[in-house]
Amino acid sequence: AMVGGPDYGESQFNRATHARRQPG
């Protein structure tokens, strides 16, 4: 399973695969 954001229709940017965020 993979959810890349809250709404695919609004934004297709896949945060699960491309968002590089600080992991803390």
PDB file of all heavy atoms in Angstrom:
ATOM      1  N   ALA A   1       0.858  -1.189   0.000  1.00  0.00           N
ATOM      2  CA  ALA A   1       0.000   0.000   0.000  1.00  0.00           C
ATOM      3  C   ALA A   1       0.889   1.233   0.000  1.00  0.00           C
ATOM      4  O   ALA A   1       1.971   1.235   0.581  1.00  0.00           O
ATOM      5  CB  ALA A   1      -0.923   0.001   1.206  1.00  0.00           C
ATOM      6  N   MET A   2       0.391   2.283  -0.644  1.00  0.00           N
ATOM      7  CA  MET A   2       1.149   3.531  -0.698  1.00  0.00           C
ATOM      8  C   MET A   2       0.180   4.693  -0.844  1.00  0.00           C
ATOM      9  O   MET A   2      -0.664   4.699  -1.741  1.00  0.00           O
ATOM     10  CB  MET A   2       2.131   3.520  -1.868  1.00  0.00           C
ATOM     11  CG  MET A   2       2.908   4.817  -2.037  1.00  0.00           C
ATOM     12  SD  MET A   2       4.090   4.749  -3.395  1.00  0.00           S
ATOM     13  CE  MET A   2       5.290   3.592  -2.732  1.00  0.00           C
ATOM     14  N   VAL A   3       0.291   5.654   0.045  1.00  0.00           N
ATOM     15  CA  VAL A   3      -0.488   6.884  -0.029  1.00  0.00           C
ATOM     16  C   VAL A   3       0.510   8.030  -0.092  1.00  0.00           C
ATOM     17  O   VAL A   3       1.271   8.251   0.845  1.00  0.00           O
ATOM     18  CB  VAL A   3      -1.424   7.043   1.181  1.00  0.00           C
ATOM     19  CG1 VAL A   3      -2.299   8.285   1.005  1.00  0.00           C
ATOM     20  CG2 VAL A   3      -2.282   5.811   1.367  1.00  0.00           C
ATOM     21  N   GLY A   4       0.490   8.757  -1.203  1.00  0.00           N
ATOM     22  CA  GLY A   4       1.481   9.808  -1.410  1.00  0.00           C
ATOM     23  C   GLY A   4       1.003  11.198  -1.077  1.00  0.00           C
ATOM     24  O   GLY A   4       1.715  12.173  -1.328  1.00  0.00           O
ATOM     25  N   GLY A   5      -0.202  11.336  -0.510  1.00  0.00           N
ATOM     26  CA  GLY A   5      -0.724  12.647  -0.173  1.00  0.00           C
ATOM     27  C   GLY A   5      -2.193  12.568   0.163  1.00  0.00           C
ATOM     28  O   GLY A   5      -2.821  11.497   0.067  1.00  0.00           O
ATOM     29  N   PRO A   6      -2.783  13.678   0.557  1.00  0.00           N
ATOM     30  CA  PRO A   6      -4.187  13.662   0.977  1.00  0.00           C
ATOM     31  C   PRO A   6      -5.180  13.566  -0.167  1.00  0.00           C
ATOM     32  O   PRO A   6      -6.280  13.054   0.004  1.00  0.00           O
ATOM     33  CB  PRO A   6      -4.340  14.987   1.735  1.00  0.00           C
ATOM     34  CG  PRO A   6      -3.295  15.880   1.147  1.00  0.00           C
ATOM     35  CD  PRO A   6      -2.145  14.992   0.784  1.00  0.00           C
ATOM     36  N   ASP A   7      -4.831  14.085  -1.363  1.00  0.00           N
ATOM     37  CA  ASP A   7      -5.795  14.129  -2.463  1.00  0.00           C
ATOM     38  C   ASP A   7      -5.043  14.068  -3.789  1.00  0.00           C
ATOM     39  O   ASP A   7      -4.388  15.025  -4.188  1.00  0.00           O
ATOM     40  CB  ASP A   7      -6.630  15.403  -2.384  1.00  0.00           C
ATOM     41  CG  ASP A   7      -7.763  15.433  -3.401  1.00  0.00           C
ATOM     42  OD1 ASP A   7      -7.785  14.567  -4.295  1.00  0.00           O
ATOM     43  OD2 ASP A   7      -8.620  16.326  -3.311  1.00  0.00           O
ATOM     44  N   TYR A   8      -5.141  12.938  -4.485  1.00  0.00           N
ATOM     45  CA  TYR A   8      -4.439  12.772  -5.755  1.00  0.00           C
ATOM     46  C   TYR A   8      -4.981  13.719  -6.817  1.00  0.00           C
ATOM     47  O   TYR A   8      -4.231  14.191  -7.673  1.00  0.00           O
ATOM     48  CB  TYR A   8      -4.564  11.330  -6.232  1.00  0.00           C
ATOM     49  CG  TYR A   8      -3.741  11.021  -7.458  1.00  0.00           C
ATOM     50  CD1 TYR A   8      -2.398  10.674  -7.338  1.00  0.00           C
ATOM     51  CD2 TYR A   8      -4.291  11.071  -8.729  1.00  0.00           C
ATOM     52  CE1 TYR A   8      -1.618  10.399  -8.455  1.00  0.00           C
ATOM     53  CE2 TYR A   8      -3.528  10.792  -9.860  1.00  0.00           C
ATOM     54  CZ  TYR A   8      -2.195  10.458  -9.717  1.00  0.00           C
ATOM     55  OH  TYR A   8      -1.435  10.190 -10.830  1.00  0.00           O
ATOM     56  N   GLY A   9      -6.279  13.976  -6.780  1.00  0.00           N
ATOM     57  CA  GLY A   9      -6.861  14.878  -7.759  1.00  0.00           C
ATOM     58  C   GLY A   9      -6.339  16.292  -7.638  1.00  0.00           C
ATOM     59  O   GLY A   9      -6.234  17.023  -8.629  1.00  0.00           O
ATOM     60  N   GLU A  10      -5.980  16.701  -6.435  1.00  0.00           N
ATOM     61  CA  GLU A  10      -5.484  18.062  -6.209  1.00  0.00           C
ATOM     62  C   GLU A  10      -3.997  18.179  -6.501  1.00  0.00           C
ATOM     63  O   GLU A  10      -3.525  19.178  -7.039  1.00  0.00           O
ATOM     64  CB  GLU A  10      -5.760  18.469  -4.763  1.00  0.00           C
ATOM     65  CG  GLU A  10      -5.324  19.879  -4.419  1.00  0.00           C
ATOM     66  CD  GLU A  10      -5.681  20.259  -2.988  1.00  0.00           C
ATOM     67  OE1 GLU A  10      -6.659  19.701  -2.466  1.00  0.00           O
ATOM     68  OE2 GLU A  10      -4.975  21.092  -2.412  1.00  0.00           O
ATOM     69  N   SER A  11      -3.227  17.165  -6.138  1.00  0.00           N
ATOM     70  CA  SER A  11      -1.785  17.184  -6.369  1.00  0.00           C
ATOM     71  C   SER A  11      -1.306  15.760  -6.591  1.00  0.00           C
ATOM     72  O   SER A  11      -1.552  14.884  -5.764  1.00  0.00           O
ATOM     73  CB  SER A  11      -1.046  17.794  -5.175  1.00  0.00           C
ATOM     74  OG  SER A  11       0.357  17.616  -5.302  1.00  0.00           O
ATOM     75  N   GLN A  12      -0.605  15.537  -7.725  1.00  0.00           N
ATOM     76  CA  GLN A  12      -0.115  14.202  -8.043  1.00  0.00           C
ATOM     77  C   GLN A  12       1.316  13.966  -7.547  1.00  0.00           C
ATOM     78  O   GLN A  12       1.894  12.915  -7.814  1.00  0.00           O
ATOM     79  CB  GLN A  12      -0.157  13.974  -9.559  1.00  0.00           C
ATOM     80  CG  GLN A  12      -1.548  13.859 -10.131  1.00  0.00           C
ATOM     81  CD  GLN A  12      -2.223  15.208 -10.289  1.00  0.00           C
ATOM     82  OE1 GLN A  12      -1.635  16.138 -10.841  1.00  0.00           O
ATOM     83  NE2 GLN A  12      -3.445  15.334  -9.815  1.00  0.00           N
ATOM     84  N   PHE A  13       1.882  14.926  -6.824  1.00  0.00           N
ATOM     85  CA  PHE A  13       3.232  14.743  -6.295  1.00  0.00           C
ATOM     86  C   PHE A  13       3.210  13.636  -5.246  1.00  0.00           C
ATOM     87  O   PHE A  13       2.455  13.697  -4.269  1.00  0.00           O
ATOM     88  CB  PHE A  13       3.743  16.036  -5.671  1.00  0.00           C
ATOM     89  CG  PHE A  13       5.103  15.910  -5.047  1.00  0.00           C
ATOM     90  CD1 PHE A  13       6.225  15.704  -5.834  1.00  0.00           C
ATOM     91  CD2 PHE A  13       5.272  15.993  -3.678  1.00  0.00           C
ATOM     92  CE1 PHE A  13       7.478  15.581  -5.267  1.00  0.00           C
ATOM     93  CE2 PHE A  13       6.516  15.879  -3.100  1.00  0.00           C
ATOM     94  CZ  PHE A  13       7.626  15.678  -3.897  1.00  0.00           C
ATOM     95  N   ASN A  14       4.024  12.612  -5.467  1.00  0.00           N
ATOM     96  CA  ASN A  14       4.031  11.450  -4.581  1.00  0.00           C
ATOM     97  C   ASN A  14       5.020  11.681  -3.448  1.00  0.00           C
ATOM     98  O   ASN A  14       6.224  11.502  -3.597  1.00  0.00           O
ATOM     99  CB  ASN A  14       4.402  10.191  -5.366  1.00  0.00           C
ATOM    100  CG  ASN A  14       4.075   8.923  -4.606  1.00  0.00           C
ATOM    101  OD1 ASN A  14       3.971   8.928  -3.378  1.00  0.00           O
ATOM    102  ND2 ASN A  14       3.899   7.829  -5.325  1.00  0.00           N
ATOM    103  N   ARG A  15       4.495  12.067  -2.308  1.00  0.00           N
ATOM    104  CA  ARG A  15       5.346  12.359  -1.156  1.00  0.00           C
ATOM    105  C   ARG A  15       5.985  11.097  -0.582  1.00  0.00           C
ATOM    106  O   ARG A  15       7.018  11.179   0.078  1.00  0.00           O
ATOM    107  CB  ARG A  15       4.525  13.079  -0.088  1.00  0.00           C
ATOM    108  CG  ARG A  15       3.990  14.435  -0.581  1.00  0.00           C
ATOM    109  CD  ARG A  15       2.692  14.807   0.100  1.00  0.00           C
ATOM    110  NE  ARG A  15       2.096  16.016  -0.457  1.00  0.00           N
ATOM    111  CZ  ARG A  15       1.290  16.030  -1.517  1.00  0.00           C
ATOM    112  NH1 ARG A  15       0.991  14.899  -2.146  1.00  0.00           N
ATOM    113  NH2 ARG A  15       0.787  17.157  -1.961  1.00  0.00           N
ATOM    114  N   ALA A  16       5.371   9.957  -0.813  1.00  0.00           N
ATOM    115  CA  ALA A  16       5.923   8.705  -0.295  1.00  0.00           C
ATOM    116  C   ALA A  16       7.217   8.322  -0.998  1.00  0.00           C
ATOM    117  O   ALA A  16       8.080   7.673  -0.398  1.00  0.00           O
ATOM    118  CB  ALA A  16       4.899   7.584  -0.442  1.00  0.00           C
ATOM    119  N   THR A  17       7.373   8.718  -2.250  1.00  0.00           N
ATOM    120  CA  THR A  17       8.556   8.319  -3.017  1.00  0.00           C
ATOM    121  C   THR A  17       9.497   9.466  -3.347  1.00  0.00           C
ATOM    122  O   THR A  17      10.676   9.224  -3.638  1.00  0.00           O
ATOM    123  CB  THR A  17       8.123   7.656  -4.338  1.00  0.00           C
ATOM    124  OG1 THR A  17       7.310   8.571  -5.083  1.00  0.00           O
ATOM    125  CG2 THR A  17       7.340   6.389  -4.071  1.00  0.00           C
ATOM    126  N   HIS A  18       9.010  10.698  -3.323  1.00  0.00           N
ATOM    127  CA  HIS A  18       9.835  11.814  -3.805  1.00  0.00           C
ATOM    128  C   HIS A  18      10.033  12.937  -2.781  1.00  0.00           C
ATOM    129  O   HIS A  18      10.883  13.799  -3.014  1.00  0.00           O
ATOM    130  CB  HIS A  18       9.228  12.409  -5.067  1.00  0.00           C
ATOM    131  CG  HIS A  18       9.221  11.455  -6.226  1.00  0.00           C
ATOM    132  ND1 HIS A  18      10.366  10.916  -6.749  1.00  0.00           N
ATOM    133  CD2 HIS A  18       8.201  10.927  -6.946  1.00  0.00           C
ATOM    134  CE1 HIS A  18      10.070  10.104  -7.751  1.00  0.00           C
ATOM    135  NE2 HIS A  18       8.759  10.094  -7.887  1.00  0.00           N
ATOM    136  N   ALA A  19       9.265  12.975  -1.727  1.00  0.00           N
ATOM    137  CA  ALA A  19       9.426  14.039  -0.729  1.00  0.00           C
ATOM    138  C   ALA A  19      10.559  13.667   0.226  1.00  0.00           C
ATOM    139  O   ALA A  19      10.453  12.692   0.972  1.00  0.00           O
ATOM    140  CB  ALA A  19       8.124  14.246   0.041  1.00  0.00           C
ATOM    141  N   ARG A  20      11.626  14.422   0.190  1.00  0.00           N
ATOM    142  CA  ARG A  20      12.757  14.171   1.082  1.00  0.00           C
ATOM    143  C   ARG A  20      12.605  15.088   2.292  1.00  0.00           C
ATOM    144  O   ARG A  20      12.905  16.275   2.230  1.00  0.00           O
ATOM    145  CB  ARG A  20      14.080  14.413   0.355  1.00  0.00           C
ATOM    146  CG  ARG A  20      14.205  13.668  -0.965  1.00  0.00           C
ATOM    147  CD  ARG A  20      15.628  13.633  -1.468  1.00  0.00           C
ATOM    148  NE  ARG A  20      16.446  12.713  -0.680  1.00  0.00           N
ATOM    149  CZ  ARG A  20      16.553  11.406  -0.918  1.00  0.00           C
ATOM    150  NH1 ARG A  20      15.887  10.865  -1.913  1.00  0.00           N
ATOM    151  NH2 ARG A  20      17.306  10.644  -0.152  1.00  0.00           N
ATOM    152  N   ARG A  21      12.133  14.502   3.372  1.00  0.00           N
ATOM    153  CA  ARG A  21      11.861  15.257   4.602  1.00  0.00           C
ATOM    154  C   ARG A  21      12.813  14.800   5.710  1.00  0.00           C
ATOM    155  O   ARG A  21      13.261  13.652   5.750  1.00  0.00           O
ATOM    156  CB  ARG A  21      10.408  15.036   5.034  1.00  0.00           C
ATOM    157  CG  ARG A  21       9.377  15.350   3.968  1.00  0.00           C
ATOM    158  CD  ARG A  21       9.383  16.813   3.601  1.00  0.00           C
ATOM    159  NE  ARG A  21       9.004  17.667   4.702  1.00  0.00           N
ATOM    160  CZ  ARG A  21       8.043  18.588   4.673  1.00  0.00           C
ATOM    161  NH1 ARG A  21       7.354  18.770   3.549  1.00  0.00           N
ATOM    162  NH2 ARG A  21       7.781  19.338   5.711  1.00  0.00           N
ATOM    163  N   GLN A  22      13.089  15.736   6.617  1.00  0.00           N
ATOM    164  CA  GLN A  22      13.980  15.406   7.723  1.00  0.00           C
ATOM    165  C   GLN A  22      13.344  14.335   8.617  1.00  0.00           C
ATOM    166  O   GLN A  22      12.240  14.528   9.116  1.00  0.00           O
ATOM    167  CB  GLN A  22      14.277  16.650   8.543  1.00  0.00           C
ATOM    168  CG  GLN A  22      15.175  17.652   7.841  1.00  0.00           C
ATOM    169  CD  GLN A  22      15.582  18.806   8.741  1.00  0.00           C
ATOM    170  OE1 GLN A  22      15.096  18.929   9.863  1.00  0.00           O
ATOM    171  NE2 GLN A  22      16.466  19.652   8.256  1.00  0.00           N
ATOM    172  N   PRO A  23      14.044  13.206   8.821  1.00  0.00           N
ATOM    173  CA  PRO A  23      13.448  12.119   9.609  1.00  0.00           C
ATOM    174  C   PRO A  23      13.511  12.328  11.113  1.00  0.00           C
ATOM    175  O   PRO A  23      12.894  11.573  11.866  1.00  0.00           O
ATOM    176  CB  PRO A  23      14.287  10.903   9.201  1.00  0.00           C
ATOM    177  CG  PRO A  23      15.625  11.498   8.856  1.00  0.00           C
ATOM    178  CD  PRO A  23      15.338  12.841   8.243  1.00  0.00           C
ATOM    179  N   GLY A  24      14.248  13.336  11.558  1.00  0.00           N
ATOM    180  CA  GLY A  24      14.348  13.559  12.994  1.00  0.00           C
ATOM    181  C   GLY A  24      14.942  12.349  13.700  1.00  0.00           C
ATOM    182  O   GLY A  24      15.837  11.674  13.192  1.00  0.00           O
TER     183      GLY A  24
END
